Amino acid sequence: MFKITGLDEFQRKIEQLRHNAENLDGQHQVPLDELFAPAFMRQHSTLGDFDAFCREAGLSECSNDAFAAVPDVTLDTAVKRHTQFASWEEMKHAGAADWAKRRLFDGIGG
């Protein structure tokens, strides 16, 4: 007879994944510092965190209002200079995908 173990843990992870996927449904307001988490910034930029990116883009603060007041061309320049992305829009999409992936696999473990 062959005995299989670990299926309970696998089932728990599948249920957590299902729950996380349900929570991702719909629209979300994600703070910029969550969208561009330190690990994301270290992986995709020459800067250590999003605050450093804000300073390099000439912003006095990293808020949605501050970003809304800056022309996209200014942000595109900072993105091209300090990240692997071609534009601010591309960086935002990558940050959103990374945020969603982190939320999807939250609590799943290795």
N, C-alpha and C. Protein backbone atom coordinates (compact mmCIF):
# COMPACT_ATOMS: atom_id res chain seq x y z
N MET A 1 0.84 -1.18 0.00
CA MET A 1 0.00 0.00 0.00
C MET A 1 0.89 1.24 0.00
N PHE A 2 0.48 2.25 -0.72
CA PHE A 2 1.21 3.50 -0.83
C PHE A 2 0.43 4.57 -0.09
N LYS A 3 1.08 5.27 0.82
CA LYS A 3 0.41 6.30 1.63
C LYS A 3 0.88 7.68 1.19
N ILE A 4 -0.08 8.57 0.95
CA ILE A 4 0.22 9.94 0.56
C ILE A 4 -0.06 10.84 1.75
N THR A 5 0.92 11.68 2.09
CA THR A 5 0.75 12.61 3.20
C THR A 5 0.88 14.04 2.70
N GLY A 6 0.42 14.96 3.50
CA GLY A 6 0.56 16.37 3.17
C GLY A 6 -0.61 16.96 2.42
N LEU A 7 -1.64 16.16 2.14
CA LEU A 7 -2.77 16.69 1.39
C LEU A 7 -3.58 17.71 2.19
N ASP A 8 -3.62 17.57 3.50
CA ASP A 8 -4.33 18.55 4.32
C ASP A 8 -3.69 19.93 4.20
N GLU A 9 -2.38 19.97 4.23
CA GLU A 9 -1.65 21.24 4.08
C GLU A 9 -1.87 21.82 2.68
N PHE A 10 -1.83 20.96 1.68
CA PHE A 10 -2.08 21.39 0.31
C PHE A 10 -3.49 21.99 0.19
N GLN A 11 -4.47 21.32 0.77
CA GLN A 11 -5.85 21.81 0.74
C GLN A 11 -5.97 23.16 1.44
N ARG A 12 -5.27 23.34 2.56
CA ARG A 12 -5.29 24.61 3.27
C ARG A 12 -4.73 25.72 2.39
N LYS A 13 -3.65 25.42 1.69
CA LYS A 13 -3.04 26.43 0.81
C LYS A 13 -3.96 26.77 -0.37
N ILE A 14 -4.63 25.79 -0.90
CA ILE A 14 -5.57 26.03 -2.00
C ILE A 14 -6.73 26.92 -1.52
N GLU A 15 -7.23 26.65 -0.33
CA GLU A 15 -8.31 27.45 0.23
C GLU A 15 -7.85 28.89 0.49
N GLN A 16 -6.63 29.05 0.99
CA GLN A 16 -6.09 30.39 1.22
C GLN A 16 -5.94 31.14 -0.10
N LEU A 17 -5.46 30.44 -1.11
CA LEU A 17 -5.31 31.03 -2.44
C LEU A 17 -6.67 31.46 -3.00
N ARG A 18 -7.69 30.63 -2.85
CA ARG A 18 -9.04 30.97 -3.30
C ARG A 18 -9.56 32.21 -2.57
N HIS A 19 -9.37 32.22 -1.26
CA HIS A 19 -9.80 33.37 -0.45
C HIS A 19 -9.08 34.65 -0.90
N ASN A 20 -7.78 34.56 -1.09
CA ASN A 20 -7.00 35.73 -1.52
C ASN A 20 -7.45 36.22 -2.89
N ALA A 21 -7.74 35.29 -3.80
CA ALA A 21 -8.19 35.67 -5.14
C ALA A 21 -9.54 36.39 -5.06
N GLU A 22 -10.43 35.91 -4.22
CA GLU A 22 -11.72 36.58 -4.04
C GLU A 22 -11.53 38.00 -3.51
N ASN A 23 -10.59 38.18 -2.61
CA ASN A 23 -10.33 39.51 -2.05
C ASN A 23 -9.72 40.48 -3.06
N LEU A 24 -9.10 39.95 -4.10
CA LEU A 24 -8.50 40.81 -5.13
C LEU A 24 -9.52 41.29 -6.15
N ASP A 25 -10.68 40.66 -6.18
CA ASP A 25 -11.70 41.03 -7.15
C ASP A 25 -12.14 42.48 -6.94
N GLY A 26 -12.39 43.18 -8.02
CA GLY A 26 -12.87 44.55 -7.94
C GLY A 26 -11.74 45.56 -8.01
N GLN A 27 -12.08 46.79 -7.67
CA GLN A 27 -11.11 47.88 -7.70
C GLN A 27 -10.54 48.10 -6.30
N HIS A 28 -9.29 48.57 -6.25
CA HIS A 28 -8.62 48.81 -4.98
C HIS A 28 -7.90 50.15 -5.02
N GLN A 29 -7.94 50.85 -3.91
CA GLN A 29 -7.14 52.06 -3.73
C GLN A 29 -5.89 51.63 -2.97
N VAL A 30 -4.77 51.61 -3.64
CA VAL A 30 -3.53 51.12 -3.05
C VAL A 30 -2.60 52.30 -2.81
N PRO A 31 -2.15 52.50 -1.57
CA PRO A 31 -1.18 53.56 -1.31
C PRO A 31 0.09 53.35 -2.14
N LEU A 32 0.68 54.44 -2.58
CA LEU A 32 1.87 54.34 -3.43
C LEU A 32 3.01 53.58 -2.77
N ASP A 33 3.17 53.73 -1.44
CA ASP A 33 4.27 53.02 -0.79
C ASP A 33 4.02 51.51 -0.73
N GLU A 34 2.76 51.07 -0.86
CA GLU A 34 2.47 49.63 -0.97
C GLU A 34 2.63 49.16 -2.40
N LEU A 35 2.22 50.02 -3.34
CA LEU A 35 2.34 49.68 -4.75
C LEU A 35 3.81 49.51 -5.12
N PHE A 36 4.65 50.38 -4.56
CA PHE A 36 6.08 50.34 -4.84
C PHE A 36 6.83 49.99 -3.56
N ALA A 37 6.61 48.77 -3.11
CA ALA A 37 7.23 48.28 -1.88
C ALA A 37 8.76 48.30 -2.02
N PRO A 38 9.47 48.35 -0.88
CA PRO A 38 10.94 48.38 -0.94
C PRO A 38 11.54 47.26 -1.79
N ALA A 39 11.02 46.05 -1.68
CA ALA A 39 11.57 44.94 -2.48
C ALA A 39 11.38 45.20 -3.97
N PHE A 40 10.23 45.76 -4.34
CA PHE A 40 9.97 46.10 -5.75
C PHE A 40 10.97 47.15 -6.22
N MET A 41 11.18 48.19 -5.42
CA MET A 41 12.10 49.25 -5.81
C MET A 41 13.54 48.75 -5.90
N ARG A 42 13.94 47.89 -4.98
CA ARG A 42 15.31 47.35 -5.04
C ARG A 42 15.50 46.49 -6.29
N GLN A 43 14.46 45.74 -6.65
CA GLN A 43 14.56 44.85 -7.81
C GLN A 43 14.53 45.61 -9.14
N HIS A 44 13.76 46.67 -9.21
CA HIS A 44 13.51 47.33 -10.50
C HIS A 44 14.13 48.72 -10.64
N SER A 45 14.86 49.18 -9.63
CA SER A 45 15.42 50.53 -9.75
C SER A 45 16.82 50.58 -9.14
N THR A 46 17.44 51.72 -9.32
CA THR A 46 18.76 51.96 -8.72
C THR A 46 18.61 52.58 -7.33
N LEU A 47 17.37 52.73 -6.90
CA LEU A 47 17.08 53.39 -5.63
C LEU A 47 16.60 52.36 -4.61
N GLY A 48 16.80 52.66 -3.34
CA GLY A 48 16.46 51.70 -2.29
C GLY A 48 15.00 51.66 -1.92
N ASP A 49 14.28 52.75 -2.15
CA ASP A 49 12.87 52.76 -1.78
C ASP A 49 12.13 53.84 -2.55
N PHE A 50 10.83 53.88 -2.36
CA PHE A 50 10.00 54.81 -3.13
C PHE A 50 10.22 56.25 -2.69
N ASP A 51 10.54 56.47 -1.43
CA ASP A 51 10.85 57.83 -0.97
C ASP A 51 12.02 58.42 -1.75
N ALA A 52 13.03 57.61 -2.00
CA ALA A 52 14.18 58.07 -2.77
C ALA A 52 13.76 58.41 -4.21
N PHE A 53 12.86 57.61 -4.76
CA PHE A 53 12.36 57.92 -6.10
C PHE A 53 11.63 59.26 -6.11
N CYS A 54 10.81 59.49 -5.10
CA CYS A 54 10.08 60.76 -5.00
C CYS A 54 11.04 61.94 -4.98
N ARG A 55 12.09 61.82 -4.17
CA ARG A 55 13.08 62.90 -4.11
C ARG A 55 13.75 63.11 -5.46
N GLU A 56 14.11 62.02 -6.13
CA GLU A 56 14.76 62.13 -7.44
C GLU A 56 13.82 62.73 -8.49
N ALA A 57 12.52 62.54 -8.30
CA ALA A 57 11.54 63.12 -9.23
C ALA A 57 11.23 64.57 -8.89
N GLY A 58 11.83 65.08 -7.81
CA GLY A 58 11.64 66.47 -7.42
C GLY A 58 10.40 66.72 -6.58
N LEU A 59 9.85 65.68 -5.97
CA LEU A 59 8.66 65.83 -5.14
C LEU A 59 9.05 66.06 -3.69
N SER A 60 8.30 66.92 -3.03
CA SER A 60 8.57 67.17 -1.61
C SER A 60 7.94 66.11 -0.72
N GLU A 61 6.96 65.37 -1.27
CA GLU A 61 6.33 64.28 -0.53
C GLU A 61 5.86 63.21 -1.52
N CYS A 62 5.64 62.01 -1.02
CA CYS A 62 5.19 60.90 -1.85
C CYS A 62 3.70 60.68 -1.66
N SER A 63 2.91 61.63 -2.09
CA SER A 63 1.46 61.51 -1.95
C SER A 63 0.80 61.50 -3.32
N ASN A 64 -0.42 61.01 -3.37
CA ASN A 64 -1.16 61.03 -4.64
C ASN A 64 -1.33 62.45 -5.15
N ASP A 65 -1.58 63.39 -4.25
CA ASP A 65 -1.73 64.79 -4.65
C ASP A 65 -0.45 65.34 -5.27
N ALA A 66 0.68 65.01 -4.65
CA ALA A 66 1.97 65.47 -5.18
C ALA A 66 2.21 64.91 -6.57
N PHE A 67 1.90 63.62 -6.76
CA PHE A 67 2.09 63.01 -8.07
C PHE A 67 1.13 63.58 -9.10
N ALA A 68 -0.08 63.89 -8.69
CA ALA A 68 -1.07 64.46 -9.61
C ALA A 68 -0.64 65.84 -10.11
N ALA A 69 0.15 66.55 -9.31
CA ALA A 69 0.57 67.90 -9.67
C ALA A 69 1.80 67.91 -10.59
N VAL A 70 2.44 66.78 -10.76
CA VAL A 70 3.66 66.71 -11.58
C VAL A 70 3.31 66.17 -12.96
N PRO A 71 3.79 66.84 -14.00
CA PRO A 71 3.52 66.34 -15.36
C PRO A 71 4.11 64.94 -15.56
N ASP A 72 3.40 64.11 -16.33
CA ASP A 72 3.89 62.75 -16.60
C ASP A 72 5.28 62.75 -17.23
N VAL A 73 5.58 63.76 -18.03
CA VAL A 73 6.90 63.81 -18.68
C VAL A 73 8.01 63.91 -17.63
N THR A 74 7.77 64.62 -16.54
CA THR A 74 8.75 64.72 -15.46
C THR A 74 8.92 63.37 -14.78
N LEU A 75 7.81 62.69 -14.54
CA LEU A 75 7.87 61.36 -13.93
C LEU A 75 8.51 60.36 -14.88
N ASP A 76 8.19 60.46 -16.16
CA ASP A 76 8.80 59.56 -17.15
C ASP A 76 10.33 59.71 -17.14
N THR A 77 10.80 60.94 -17.02
CA THR A 77 12.24 61.19 -16.99
C THR A 77 12.88 60.52 -15.78
N ALA A 78 12.27 60.68 -14.62
CA ALA A 78 12.80 60.04 -13.40
C ALA A 78 12.75 58.53 -13.51
N VAL A 79 11.67 58.01 -14.09
CA VAL A 79 11.53 56.56 -14.27
C VAL A 79 12.64 56.05 -15.18
N LYS A 80 12.84 56.70 -16.31
CA LYS A 80 13.87 56.27 -17.26
C LYS A 80 15.26 56.34 -16.66
N ARG A 81 15.49 57.35 -15.82
CA ARG A 81 16.82 57.55 -15.24
C ARG A 81 17.11 56.54 -14.12
N HIS A 82 16.09 56.15 -13.35
CA HIS A 82 16.34 55.38 -12.13
C HIS A 82 15.71 54.00 -12.07
N THR A 83 14.99 53.61 -13.13
CA THR A 83 14.36 52.29 -13.11
C THR A 83 14.58 51.58 -14.44
N GLN A 84 14.11 50.37 -14.51
CA GLN A 84 14.20 49.61 -15.76
C GLN A 84 13.00 49.85 -16.67
N PHE A 85 12.08 50.71 -16.25
CA PHE A 85 10.86 50.95 -17.01
C PHE A 85 11.02 52.11 -17.97
N ALA A 86 10.19 52.11 -19.01
CA ALA A 86 10.26 53.15 -20.04
C ALA A 86 9.39 54.36 -19.71
N SER A 87 8.42 54.18 -18.80
CA SER A 87 7.52 55.29 -18.50
C SER A 87 6.91 55.11 -17.11
N TRP A 88 6.35 56.19 -16.59
CA TRP A 88 5.65 56.16 -15.31
C TRP A 88 4.46 55.20 -15.39
N GLU A 89 3.76 55.21 -16.51
CA GLU A 89 2.61 54.32 -16.69
C GLU A 89 3.05 52.86 -16.62
N GLU A 90 4.15 52.52 -17.27
CA GLU A 90 4.67 51.15 -17.24
C GLU A 90 5.08 50.76 -15.81
N MET A 91 5.69 51.67 -15.10
CA MET A 91 6.09 51.40 -13.71
C MET A 91 4.86 51.16 -12.84
N LYS A 92 3.81 51.96 -13.03
CA LYS A 92 2.58 51.78 -12.25
C LYS A 92 1.95 50.42 -12.53
N HIS A 93 1.92 50.01 -13.78
CA HIS A 93 1.35 48.70 -14.12
C HIS A 93 2.16 47.57 -13.50
N ALA A 94 3.47 47.68 -13.55
CA ALA A 94 4.33 46.65 -12.94
C ALA A 94 4.15 46.62 -11.42
N GLY A 95 4.05 47.79 -10.81
CA GLY A 95 3.81 47.86 -9.37
C GLY A 95 2.49 47.23 -8.98
N ALA A 96 1.46 47.48 -9.79
CA ALA A 96 0.13 46.90 -9.52
C ALA A 96 0.17 45.38 -9.66
N ALA A 97 0.86 44.89 -10.67
CA ALA A 97 0.97 43.43 -10.85
C ALA A 97 1.72 42.80 -9.68
N ASP A 98 2.78 43.45 -9.24
CA ASP A 98 3.55 42.95 -8.10
C ASP A 98 2.71 42.97 -6.82
N TRP A 99 1.96 44.05 -6.60
CA TRP A 99 1.09 44.16 -5.44
C TRP A 99 0.06 43.04 -5.44
N ALA A 100 -0.58 42.80 -6.60
CA ALA A 100 -1.59 41.75 -6.70
C ALA A 100 -0.99 40.37 -6.44
N LYS A 101 0.18 40.14 -6.96
CA LYS A 101 0.86 38.85 -6.74
C LYS A 101 1.16 38.64 -5.26
N ARG A 102 1.64 39.69 -4.60
CA ARG A 102 1.91 39.58 -3.16
C ARG A 102 0.64 39.29 -2.40
N ARG A 103 -0.46 39.94 -2.75
CA ARG A 103 -1.73 39.71 -2.06
C ARG A 103 -2.28 38.31 -2.35
N LEU A 104 -2.12 37.85 -3.57
CA LEU A 104 -2.62 36.53 -3.95
C LEU A 104 -1.94 35.43 -3.15
N PHE A 105 -0.64 35.53 -2.98
CA PHE A 105 0.11 34.46 -2.31
C PHE A 105 0.35 34.71 -0.83
N ASP A 106 -0.26 35.77 -0.29
CA ASP A 106 -0.13 36.08 1.14
C ASP A 106 -0.69 34.92 1.98
N GLY A 107 0.11 34.42 2.90
CA GLY A 107 -0.32 33.34 3.78
C GLY A 107 -0.16 31.95 3.21
N ILE A 108 0.33 31.86 1.98
CA ILE A 108 0.50 30.56 1.34
C ILE A 108 1.81 29.90 1.79
N GLY A 109 2.86 30.69 1.88
CA GLY A 109 4.15 30.15 2.31
C GLY A 109 4.80 29.32 1.23
N GLY A 110 5.96 28.77 1.57
CA GLY A 110 6.72 28.01 0.58
C GLY A 110 6.47 26.57 0.57
